[in-house]
Amino acid sequence: MSEEWPNHKEFSKWTTGDKPYAPSLYSYAQDRIDEALAKLPLNQDFRIWFESQEQFMRDHPVGLEKDEKTKEALRNDYTVIASRILPLLEAHPENWEAVSYLNLTPHRDNKTLTDHLADWKTSCPERFRPFIEELERMFLPLAIKVATDG
């Protein structure tokens, strides 16, 4: 938004004046990414980190969590995840459309991430499957990836 809003006059009230809002969006996003990188540097194995956090995140849906410290920890974890996915979407913005196919299959309690990604891959057009396969490589343990790829 900080990059696009200045190019569109309908957003001028957020991009000009004494306190333009759009630049602060960039600042906020960059601060969150920097915090995520501090928590999990790019050279640290993301898959190992994710495996260690996944069950906690499943057990504590942030929208239902009452404890503020736990909520903040969850938000930080989600930011770590988002900071890894964002470069994939920035490199290929057309993949944002793939998100619209994310939950088209029936919901099941405790659906594994492997199953969720597989369902997503079958629900979306072929052109988005390489993006989802990249997410599989990013998130899934190697043993699971080999089993699903072969």
C-alpha atoms as a PDB file:
ATOM      1  CA  MET A   1       0.000   0.000   0.000  1.00  0.00           C
ATOM      2  CA  SER A   2       2.852   2.372   0.758  1.00  0.00           C
ATOM      3  CA  GLU A   3       4.092   1.883  -2.799  1.00  0.00           C
ATOM      4  CA  GLU A   4       0.769   1.784  -4.649  1.00  0.00           C
ATOM      5  CA  TRP A   5      -1.333   4.397  -2.839  1.00  0.00           C
ATOM      6  CA  PRO A   6       0.776   7.398  -3.960  1.00  0.00           C
ATOM      7  CA  ASN A   7       0.012   6.407  -7.578  1.00  0.00           C
ATOM      8  CA  HIS A   8      -3.767   6.646  -7.130  1.00  0.00           C
ATOM      9  CA  LYS A   9      -5.523   9.941  -6.417  1.00  0.00           C
ATOM     10  CA  GLU A  10      -8.383   8.215  -4.564  1.00  0.00           C
ATOM     11  CA  PHE A  11      -5.859   7.448  -1.802  1.00  0.00           C
ATOM     12  CA  SER A  12      -4.371  10.955  -1.659  1.00  0.00           C
ATOM     13  CA  LYS A  13      -5.776  11.679   1.799  1.00  0.00           C
ATOM     14  CA  TRP A  14      -3.551   8.850   3.101  1.00  0.00           C
ATOM     15  CA  THR A  15      -0.440   9.785   1.152  1.00  0.00           C
ATOM     16  CA  THR A  16      -0.207  13.571   1.506  1.00  0.00           C
ATOM     17  CA  GLY A  17      -0.609  16.220   4.174  1.00  0.00           C
ATOM     18  CA  ASP A  18       0.997  16.718   7.573  1.00  0.00           C
ATOM     19  CA  LYS A  19       0.874  13.052   8.581  1.00  0.00           C
ATOM     20  CA  PRO A  20       0.711  10.778   5.544  1.00  0.00           C
ATOM     21  CA  TYR A  21      -0.401   7.305   6.536  1.00  0.00           C
ATOM     22  CA  ALA A  22       1.017   5.272   3.630  1.00  0.00           C
ATOM     23  CA  PRO A  23       4.718   5.627   4.573  1.00  0.00           C
ATOM     24  CA  SER A  24       3.972   4.393   8.078  1.00  0.00           C
ATOM     25  CA  LEU A  25       2.591   1.178   6.589  1.00  0.00           C
ATOM     26  CA  TYR A  26       5.969   0.459   5.041  1.00  0.00           C
ATOM     27  CA  SER A  27       7.681   1.270   8.323  1.00  0.00           C
ATOM     28  CA  TYR A  28       5.339  -1.010  10.259  1.00  0.00           C
ATOM     29  CA  ALA A  29       5.779  -3.893   7.816  1.00  0.00           C
ATOM     30  CA  GLN A  30       9.559  -3.528   7.801  1.00  0.00           C
ATOM     31  CA  ASP A  31       9.678  -3.443  11.598  1.00  0.00           C
ATOM     32  CA  ARG A  32       7.659  -6.668  11.763  1.00  0.00           C
ATOM     33  CA  ILE A  33       9.917  -8.343   9.177  1.00  0.00           C
ATOM     34  CA  ASP A  34      13.027  -7.222  11.082  1.00  0.00           C
ATOM     35  CA  GLU A  35      11.561  -8.691  14.287  1.00  0.00           C
ATOM     36  CA  ALA A  36      10.865 -11.964  12.463  1.00  0.00           C
ATOM     37  CA  LEU A  37      14.407 -12.062  11.117  1.00  0.00           C
ATOM     38  CA  ALA A  38      15.736 -11.437  14.604  1.00  0.00           C
ATOM     39  CA  LYS A  39      13.666 -14.333  15.914  1.00  0.00           C
ATOM     40  CA  LEU A  40      14.601 -16.634  13.041  1.00  0.00           C
ATOM     41  CA  PRO A  41      17.524 -15.509  10.870  1.00  0.00           C
ATOM     42  CA  LEU A  42      17.302 -16.472   7.204  1.00  0.00           C
ATOM     43  CA  ASN A  43      20.177 -18.946   7.566  1.00  0.00           C
ATOM     44  CA  GLN A  44      18.396 -20.894  10.335  1.00  0.00           C
ATOM     45  CA  ASP A  45      16.444 -23.942   9.163  1.00  0.00           C
ATOM     46  CA  PHE A  46      12.873 -22.718   8.875  1.00  0.00           C
ATOM     47  CA  ARG A  47      11.454 -26.246   8.620  1.00  0.00           C
ATOM     48  CA  ILE A  48      12.949 -27.240  11.975  1.00  0.00           C
ATOM     49  CA  TRP A  49      11.654 -24.065  13.590  1.00  0.00           C
ATOM     50  CA  PHE A  50       8.188 -24.560  12.091  1.00  0.00           C
ATOM     51  CA  GLU A  51       7.985 -28.175  13.246  1.00  0.00           C
ATOM     52  CA  SER A  52       8.800 -27.025  16.767  1.00  0.00           C
ATOM     53  CA  GLN A  53       6.041 -24.370  16.691  1.00  0.00           C
ATOM     54  CA  GLU A  54       3.266 -25.999  14.656  1.00  0.00           C
ATOM     55  CA  GLN A  55       1.517 -27.887  17.448  1.00  0.00           C
ATOM     56  CA  PHE A  56       1.537 -24.867  19.734  1.00  0.00           C
ATOM     57  CA  MET A  57      -0.043 -22.753  16.999  1.00  0.00           C
ATOM     58  CA  ARG A  58      -2.665 -25.447  16.364  1.00  0.00           C
ATOM     59  CA  ASP A  59      -3.450 -25.701  20.081  1.00  0.00           C
ATOM     60  CA  HIS A  60      -3.826 -21.921  20.481  1.00  0.00           C
ATOM     61  CA  PRO A  61      -5.828 -20.298  17.656  1.00  0.00           C
ATOM     62  CA  VAL A  62      -4.899 -16.626  17.974  1.00  0.00           C
ATOM     63  CA  GLY A  63      -8.504 -15.523  17.494  1.00  0.00           C
ATOM     64  CA  LEU A  64      -9.605 -17.576  20.500  1.00  0.00           C
ATOM     65  CA  GLU A  65      -6.569 -17.028  22.700  1.00  0.00           C
ATOM     66  CA  LYS A  66      -7.303 -15.059  25.895  1.00  0.00           C
ATOM     67  CA  ASP A  67      -3.783 -14.725  27.290  1.00  0.00           C
ATOM     68  CA  GLU A  68      -2.152 -11.590  25.859  1.00  0.00           C
ATOM     69  CA  LYS A  69       1.431 -12.923  26.169  1.00  0.00           C
ATOM     70  CA  THR A  70       0.472 -16.078  24.279  1.00  0.00           C
ATOM     71  CA  LYS A  71      -1.360 -14.004  21.665  1.00  0.00           C
ATOM     72  CA  GLU A  72       1.728 -11.852  21.129  1.00  0.00           C
ATOM     73  CA  ALA A  73       3.942 -14.953  20.834  1.00  0.00           C
ATOM     74  CA  LEU A  74       1.558 -16.377  18.241  1.00  0.00           C
ATOM     75  CA  ARG A  75       1.549 -13.139  16.272  1.00  0.00           C
ATOM     76  CA  ASN A  76       5.343 -13.195  16.271  1.00  0.00           C
ATOM     77  CA  ASP A  77       5.320 -16.775  15.007  1.00  0.00           C
ATOM     78  CA  TYR A  78       2.874 -15.850  12.247  1.00  0.00           C
ATOM     79  CA  THR A  79       5.124 -12.958  11.303  1.00  0.00           C
ATOM     80  CA  VAL A  80       8.082 -15.326  10.974  1.00  0.00           C
ATOM     81  CA  ILE A  81       5.968 -17.453   8.633  1.00  0.00           C
ATOM     82  CA  ALA A  82       4.715 -14.452   6.669  1.00  0.00           C
ATOM     83  CA  SER A  83       8.265 -13.125   6.280  1.00  0.00           C
ATOM     84  CA  ARG A  84       9.166 -16.380   4.518  1.00  0.00           C
ATOM     85  CA  ILE A  85       6.099 -16.428   2.253  1.00  0.00           C
ATOM     86  CA  LEU A  86       6.171 -12.738   1.315  1.00  0.00           C
ATOM     87  CA  PRO A  87       9.250 -12.964  -0.946  1.00  0.00           C
ATOM     88  CA  LEU A  88       7.537 -15.727  -2.937  1.00  0.00           C
ATOM     89  CA  LEU A  89       4.505 -13.516  -3.492  1.00  0.00           C
ATOM     90  CA  GLU A  90       6.597 -10.444  -4.267  1.00  0.00           C
ATOM     91  CA  ALA A  91       8.525 -12.416  -6.882  1.00  0.00           C
ATOM     92  CA  HIS A  92       5.268 -13.634  -8.468  1.00  0.00           C
ATOM     93  CA  PRO A  93       2.367 -11.358  -7.417  1.00  0.00           C
ATOM     94  CA  GLU A  94      -0.017 -13.355  -9.598  1.00  0.00           C
ATOM     95  CA  ASN A  95       0.153 -16.090  -6.944  1.00  0.00           C
ATOM     96  CA  TRP A  96      -1.921 -13.954  -4.568  1.00  0.00           C
ATOM     97  CA  GLU A  97      -4.894 -15.267  -6.532  1.00  0.00           C
ATOM     98  CA  ALA A  98      -4.043 -18.798  -5.366  1.00  0.00           C
ATOM     99  CA  VAL A  99      -5.156 -17.789  -1.868  1.00  0.00           C
ATOM    100  CA  SER A 100      -8.753 -17.609  -3.113  1.00  0.00           C
ATOM    101  CA  TYR A 101      -8.622 -21.393  -3.634  1.00  0.00           C
ATOM    102  CA  LEU A 102      -7.212 -22.156  -0.185  1.00  0.00           C
ATOM    103  CA  ASN A 103     -10.286 -23.402   1.682  1.00  0.00           C
ATOM    104  CA  LEU A 104     -12.497 -24.841  -1.036  1.00  0.00           C
ATOM    105  CA  THR A 105     -12.296 -28.396   0.275  1.00  0.00           C
ATOM    106  CA  PRO A 106     -14.357 -29.579   3.241  1.00  0.00           C
ATOM    107  CA  HIS A 107     -13.058 -28.595   6.660  1.00  0.00           C
ATOM    108  CA  ARG A 108     -11.841 -31.361   8.961  1.00  0.00           C
ATOM    109  CA  ASP A 109     -10.693 -30.801  12.516  1.00  0.00           C
ATOM    110  CA  ASN A 110      -6.993 -31.509  12.895  1.00  0.00           C
ATOM    111  CA  LYS A 111      -6.327 -31.666   9.149  1.00  0.00           C
ATOM    112  CA  THR A 112      -2.589 -32.029   8.723  1.00  0.00           C
ATOM    113  CA  LEU A 113      -0.670 -29.360   6.882  1.00  0.00           C
ATOM    114  CA  THR A 114       0.312 -32.008   4.336  1.00  0.00           C
ATOM    115  CA  ASP A 115      -3.370 -32.723   3.647  1.00  0.00           C
ATOM    116  CA  HIS A 116      -4.291 -29.051   3.648  1.00  0.00           C
ATOM    117  CA  LEU A 117      -1.626 -28.193   1.079  1.00  0.00           C
ATOM    118  CA  ALA A 118      -2.557 -31.230  -1.047  1.00  0.00           C
ATOM    119  CA  ASP A 119      -6.233 -30.217  -0.986  1.00  0.00           C
ATOM    120  CA  TRP A 120      -5.297 -26.663  -1.910  1.00  0.00           C
ATOM    121  CA  LYS A 121      -3.156 -27.880  -4.782  1.00  0.00           C
ATOM    122  CA  THR A 122      -6.006 -29.959  -6.232  1.00  0.00           C
ATOM    123  CA  SER A 123      -8.527 -27.109  -5.775  1.00  0.00           C
ATOM    124  CA  CYS A 124      -6.603 -24.488  -7.684  1.00  0.00           C
ATOM    125  CA  PRO A 125      -5.772 -24.067 -11.362  1.00  0.00           C
ATOM    126  CA  GLU A 126      -2.585 -25.695 -12.597  1.00  0.00           C
ATOM    127  CA  ARG A 127      -0.811 -22.335 -12.923  1.00  0.00           C
ATOM    128  CA  PHE A 128      -0.716 -21.979  -9.094  1.00  0.00           C
ATOM    129  CA  ARG A 129       0.569 -25.445  -8.306  1.00  0.00           C
ATOM    130  CA  PRO A 130       4.280 -24.522  -8.519  1.00  0.00           C
ATOM    131  CA  PHE A 131       3.676 -21.880  -5.827  1.00  0.00           C
ATOM    132  CA  ILE A 132       1.983 -24.399  -3.540  1.00  0.00           C
ATOM    133  CA  GLU A 133       4.751 -26.916  -4.210  1.00  0.00           C
ATOM    134  CA  GLU A 134       7.236 -24.255  -3.117  1.00  0.00           C
ATOM    135  CA  LEU A 135       5.254 -23.893   0.119  1.00  0.00           C
ATOM    136  CA  GLU A 136       5.355 -27.671   0.550  1.00  0.00           C
ATOM    137  CA  ARG A 137       9.141 -27.584   0.198  1.00  0.00           C
ATOM    138  CA  MET A 138       9.261 -24.743   2.704  1.00  0.00           C
ATOM    139  CA  PHE A 139       6.991 -26.230   5.386  1.00  0.00           C
ATOM    140  CA  LEU A 140       6.886 -29.995   5.127  1.00  0.00           C
ATOM    141  CA  PRO A 141       9.484 -32.381   6.509  1.00  0.00           C
ATOM    142  CA  LEU A 142      11.636 -33.960   3.820  1.00  0.00           C
ATOM    143  CA  ALA A 143      10.223 -37.456   4.459  1.00  0.00           C
ATOM    144  CA  ILE A 144       6.684 -36.231   3.831  1.00  0.00           C
ATOM    145  CA  LYS A 145       7.670 -34.276   0.746  1.00  0.00           C
ATOM    146  CA  VAL A 146       9.376 -37.299  -0.786  1.00  0.00           C
ATOM    147  CA  ALA A 147       6.308 -39.431  -0.061  1.00  0.00           C
ATOM    148  CA  THR A 148       3.924 -36.904  -1.639  1.00  0.00           C
ATOM    149  CA  ASP A 149       6.142 -36.148  -4.622  1.00  0.00           C
ATOM    150  CA  GLY A 150       6.714 -39.744  -5.588  1.00  0.00           C
END
